Amino acid sequence: MNNKSNILLVDDDPGITNYLNTILNMNGFEMLHAKNSSDAYMMITSYCPDLILLELNLSDTDGVKIIKSVREWSGIPIIVLSTRSHERDKVHALDSGANDYITKPFGSAELLARIRAALRTSRIKDNPKNICEDGVFQTRDFTLDFEKRYITVRGSSVHLTQNEYRIVALLARYAGKVLTYDYIIKCIWGPNAEPDNQILRVNMANIRKKIELKSSEPEYILTETGVGYRMTE
């Protein structure tokens, strides 16, 4: 499993793209790239990035529309990197759901610091009682390290697919709360995903084979029949 945080850059400037790809990779991140809104939505729904860096001036839309659309279903941190420097543009983007706003040109050290801050905040804000300061969730013999994207059960490491990990991490962030099937599907596969529980059930069956002693008698991820799933506290 890739332990690097995925950063999606939405920008059509090749100079900025090449520069950020180098900076992010040198500092332990993996960069995904989209040139326009269509590519952005595809990348978001396919890869569920940990953070989005967004230029507002795109060839096919105003980046604020992307912010508003993503905020309808996801809390993915969004940092605007834009040539727009007017106060009203900053206020509009932040009020629409952006977490931060940086005007181009910018320093790499400041950008990296803001990325780290946004990732730290996103990893603990949803469930501070269950996620420790070091980003570790634990229940019984199950441990999930959000920083390393590493899961152990009964002392042994568990290897999940990308989507399986995202499902487990989502449930861990809301441990003790029931997440509906539709909510999980939208968070993992995007807002346009078909409300078909079958793909989720298949993933959950595979997850339980890997983390539960008996799939038919789960200890960690419980089924609320007809509603959704819940991670034990």
Protein backbone atom coordinates (compact mmCIF):
# COMPACT_ATOMS: atom_id res chain seq x y z
CA MET A 1 0.00 0.00 0.00
CA ASN A 2 1.30 3.44 -0.86
CA ASN A 3 1.93 5.34 2.38
CA LYS A 4 2.33 8.74 0.72
CA SER A 5 -0.42 11.33 0.93
CA ASN A 6 -1.96 11.99 -2.48
CA ILE A 7 -2.13 15.66 -3.47
CA LEU A 8 -4.29 16.55 -6.47
CA LEU A 9 -3.16 19.64 -8.37
CA VAL A 10 -5.83 21.23 -10.57
CA ASP A 11 -3.95 23.66 -12.81
CA ASP A 12 -3.28 23.96 -16.55
CA ASP A 13 0.07 25.77 -16.22
CA PRO A 14 2.85 23.31 -17.16
CA GLY A 15 5.48 25.38 -15.36
CA ILE A 16 3.64 25.27 -12.03
CA THR A 17 2.79 21.60 -12.57
CA ASN A 18 6.41 20.56 -13.11
CA TYR A 19 7.61 22.71 -10.21
CA LEU A 20 5.05 21.35 -7.73
CA ASN A 21 5.57 17.78 -8.88
CA THR A 22 9.25 18.10 -7.99
CA ILE A 23 8.65 19.86 -4.66
CA LEU A 24 5.91 17.50 -3.51
CA ASN A 25 7.77 14.33 -4.45
CA MET A 26 10.92 15.57 -2.71
CA ASN A 27 8.90 16.04 0.47
CA GLY A 28 7.15 12.70 0.66
CA PHE A 29 3.92 13.42 -1.22
CA GLU A 30 2.54 11.89 -4.41
CA MET A 31 1.09 14.37 -6.88
CA LEU A 32 -1.91 13.72 -9.10
CA HIS A 33 -2.72 16.21 -11.85
CA ALA A 34 -5.82 17.55 -13.58
CA LYS A 35 -5.87 20.33 -16.18
CA ASN A 36 -9.58 21.16 -16.05
CA SER A 37 -12.77 20.48 -14.11
CA SER A 38 -13.65 17.30 -16.02
CA ASP A 39 -10.26 15.78 -15.22
CA ALA A 40 -10.52 17.05 -11.65
CA TYR A 41 -13.85 15.35 -10.95
CA MET A 42 -12.58 12.12 -12.49
CA MET A 43 -9.41 12.18 -10.37
CA ILE A 44 -11.31 13.05 -7.18
CA THR A 45 -13.84 10.25 -7.58
CA SER A 46 -11.26 7.71 -8.74
CA TYR A 47 -8.43 8.39 -6.29
CA CYS A 48 -10.03 10.25 -3.34
CA PRO A 49 -6.96 12.48 -2.83
CA ASP A 50 -5.96 13.56 0.65
CA LEU A 51 -5.79 17.23 -0.39
CA ILE A 52 -6.55 19.39 -3.44
CA LEU A 53 -4.44 22.31 -4.69
CA LEU A 54 -6.70 24.37 -6.94
CA GLU A 55 -6.17 27.19 -9.42
CA LEU A 56 -9.36 29.22 -9.86
CA ASN A 57 -8.63 30.26 -13.46
CA LEU A 58 -9.32 27.10 -15.43
CA SER A 59 -10.02 26.73 -19.13
CA ASP A 60 -13.50 25.26 -18.70
CA THR A 61 -14.83 26.72 -15.44
CA ASP A 62 -14.26 28.92 -12.43
CA GLY A 63 -12.49 26.90 -9.75
CA VAL A 64 -14.98 28.08 -7.14
CA LYS A 65 -17.57 25.83 -8.81
CA ILE A 66 -15.31 22.86 -8.11
CA ILE A 67 -15.04 23.88 -4.46
CA LYS A 68 -18.81 24.11 -4.09
CA SER A 69 -19.38 20.81 -5.88
CA VAL A 70 -16.84 18.91 -3.77
CA ARG A 71 -18.22 20.42 -0.57
CA GLU A 72 -21.64 18.93 -1.30
CA TRP A 73 -20.28 15.50 -0.44
CA SER A 74 -16.72 15.66 0.85
CA GLY A 75 -14.53 17.40 3.41
CA ILE A 76 -11.30 16.90 1.44
CA PRO A 77 -8.99 19.83 2.32
CA ILE A 78 -8.80 22.36 -0.53
CA ILE A 79 -6.02 24.94 -0.79
CA VAL A 80 -6.45 27.54 -3.51
CA LEU A 81 -3.26 28.45 -5.41
CA SER A 82 -4.29 31.31 -7.64
CA THR A 83 -3.09 34.35 -9.54
CA ARG A 84 -6.19 36.16 -8.26
CA SER A 85 -5.08 38.42 -5.44
CA HIS A 86 -8.15 40.59 -4.84
CA GLU A 87 -9.70 40.31 -1.40
CA ARG A 88 -13.16 39.54 -2.78
CA ASP A 89 -11.80 36.50 -4.65
CA LYS A 90 -10.21 35.18 -1.46
CA VAL A 91 -13.37 35.74 0.58
CA HIS A 92 -15.54 34.10 -2.08
CA ALA A 93 -13.33 31.00 -2.28
CA LEU A 94 -13.07 30.63 1.49
CA ASP A 95 -16.78 31.17 2.01
CA SER A 96 -17.45 28.52 -0.67
CA GLY A 97 -15.51 25.92 1.30
CA ALA A 98 -11.79 26.33 0.59
CA ASN A 99 -9.59 25.67 3.63
CA ASP A 100 -6.81 28.07 2.64
CA TYR A 101 -5.84 30.55 -0.06
CA ILE A 102 -2.33 31.24 -1.35
CA THR A 103 -1.60 33.84 -4.02
CA LYS A 104 0.91 33.11 -6.77
CA PRO A 105 3.86 33.42 -6.70
CA PHE A 106 4.47 31.62 -3.42
CA GLY A 107 7.34 30.10 -1.46
CA SER A 108 7.70 26.34 -1.36
CA ALA A 109 8.35 26.27 2.41
CA GLU A 110 5.12 28.16 3.13
CA LEU A 111 3.10 25.95 0.80
CA LEU A 112 4.45 22.76 2.38
CA ALA A 113 3.72 24.08 5.86
CA ARG A 114 0.13 24.89 4.91
CA ILE A 115 -0.32 21.47 3.29
CA ARG A 116 0.91 19.75 6.44
CA ALA A 117 -1.37 21.90 8.61
CA ALA A 118 -4.42 21.16 6.45
CA LEU A 119 -3.71 17.41 6.50
CA ARG A 120 -3.25 17.39 10.28
CA THR A 121 -6.54 19.20 10.76
CA SER A 122 -8.46 16.92 8.41
CA ARG A 123 -7.19 13.79 10.15
CA ILE A 124 -8.41 14.74 13.62
CA LYS A 125 -11.38 17.09 13.23
CA ASP A 126 -14.01 14.47 12.38
CA ASN A 127 -13.51 12.37 15.48
CA PRO A 128 -11.05 13.86 17.98
CA LYS A 129 -12.08 11.46 20.77
CA ASN A 130 -11.05 8.42 18.75
CA ILE A 131 -8.06 9.74 16.80
CA CYS A 132 -5.03 10.54 18.92
CA GLU A 133 -2.69 13.44 18.28
CA ASP A 134 -0.34 11.14 16.41
CA GLY A 135 -3.17 10.10 14.08
CA VAL A 136 -3.69 6.57 15.42
CA PHE A 137 -7.08 4.91 15.92
CA GLN A 138 -7.32 1.78 18.04
CA THR A 139 -10.13 -0.50 19.12
CA ARG A 140 -9.40 -3.84 20.79
CA ASP A 141 -6.68 -5.55 18.72
CA PHE A 142 -7.26 -3.33 15.68
CA THR A 143 -4.92 -0.36 15.01
CA LEU A 144 -5.00 2.08 12.11
CA ASP A 145 -2.20 4.62 11.66
CA PHE A 146 -3.60 7.41 9.49
CA GLU A 147 -0.19 9.01 8.97
CA LYS A 148 1.41 5.80 7.66
CA ARG A 149 -1.81 4.31 6.23
CA TYR A 150 -0.92 1.15 8.06
CA ILE A 151 -3.31 -1.34 9.66
CA THR A 152 -2.54 -4.12 12.11
CA VAL A 153 -4.95 -6.64 13.59
CA ARG A 154 -3.93 -8.91 16.45
CA GLY A 155 -0.33 -7.81 15.92
CA SER A 156 -0.18 -8.66 12.20
CA SER A 157 -0.18 -6.19 9.31
CA VAL A 158 -3.21 -6.18 7.02
CA HIS A 159 -2.90 -5.47 3.32
CA LEU A 160 -5.97 -3.79 1.84
CA THR A 161 -6.67 -2.45 -1.62
CA GLN A 162 -6.89 1.32 -1.99
CA ASN A 163 -10.69 1.40 -1.80
CA GLU A 164 -10.80 -1.11 1.04
CA TYR A 165 -8.44 1.07 3.05
CA ARG A 166 -10.51 4.19 2.35
CA ILE A 167 -13.67 2.46 3.55
CA VAL A 168 -12.02 1.31 6.77
CA ALA A 169 -10.40 4.71 7.38
CA LEU A 170 -13.72 6.48 6.83
CA LEU A 171 -15.49 4.23 9.33
CA ALA A 172 -12.64 4.66 11.82
CA ARG A 173 -12.93 8.45 11.65
CA TYR A 174 -16.57 8.15 12.68
CA ALA A 175 -16.13 5.21 15.07
CA GLY A 176 -19.28 4.52 17.03
CA LYS A 177 -21.49 6.21 14.45
CA VAL A 178 -23.52 4.48 11.75
CA LEU A 179 -22.57 5.59 8.23
CA THR A 180 -25.26 4.89 5.66
CA TYR A 181 -24.53 2.89 2.54
CA ASP A 182 -25.17 5.93 0.34
CA TYR A 183 -22.87 8.15 2.39
CA ILE A 184 -19.99 5.67 2.17
CA ILE A 185 -20.52 5.15 -1.56
CA LYS A 186 -20.43 8.90 -2.25
CA CYS A 187 -17.33 9.40 -0.11
CA ILE A 188 -15.42 6.56 -1.76
CA TRP A 189 -16.67 6.52 -5.36
CA GLY A 190 -17.88 10.11 -5.75
CA PRO A 191 -21.18 12.01 -5.86
CA ASN A 192 -22.16 10.59 -9.25
CA ALA A 193 -21.74 6.96 -8.24
CA GLU A 194 -24.78 4.75 -8.61
CA PRO A 195 -26.50 4.10 -5.27
CA ASP A 196 -25.83 0.38 -5.67
CA ASN A 197 -24.86 -1.30 -2.42
CA GLN A 198 -23.48 -4.38 -4.17
CA ILE A 199 -20.01 -2.96 -4.84
CA LEU A 200 -19.82 -1.79 -1.23
CA ARG A 201 -20.91 -5.20 0.06
CA VAL A 202 -18.26 -6.93 -2.06
CA ASN A 203 -15.58 -4.63 -0.66
CA MET A 204 -16.85 -5.13 2.88
CA ALA A 205 -16.84 -8.92 2.47
CA ASN A 206 -13.18 -8.75 1.39
CA ILE A 207 -12.33 -6.41 4.27
CA ARG A 208 -13.89 -8.73 6.82
CA LYS A 209 -11.99 -11.72 5.46
CA LYS A 210 -8.79 -9.78 6.13
CA ILE A 211 -9.50 -8.25 9.56
CA GLU A 212 -12.09 -10.44 11.29
CA LEU A 213 -11.53 -13.86 12.84
CA LYS A 214 -14.98 -14.86 11.60
CA SER A 215 -16.57 -12.86 8.80
CA SER A 216 -20.00 -13.98 9.96
CA GLU A 217 -19.35 -12.66 13.48
CA PRO A 218 -17.53 -9.33 12.99
CA GLU A 219 -15.85 -7.65 15.98
CA TYR A 220 -14.70 -4.40 14.40
CA ILE A 221 -17.03 -3.34 11.58
CA LEU A 222 -20.65 -4.03 12.41
CA THR A 223 -23.63 -4.05 10.04
CA GLU A 224 -26.70 -2.01 10.85
CA THR A 225 -29.16 -3.98 8.70
CA GLY A 226 -30.76 -1.91 5.99
CA VAL A 227 -28.86 1.21 7.03
CA GLY A 228 -25.08 0.95 6.83
CA TYR A 229 -21.93 0.09 8.77
CA ARG A 230 -20.39 1.13 12.08
CA MET A 231 -16.85 0.79 13.42
CA THR A 232 -16.72 -0.23 17.09
CA GLU A 233 -15.46 2.46 19.45
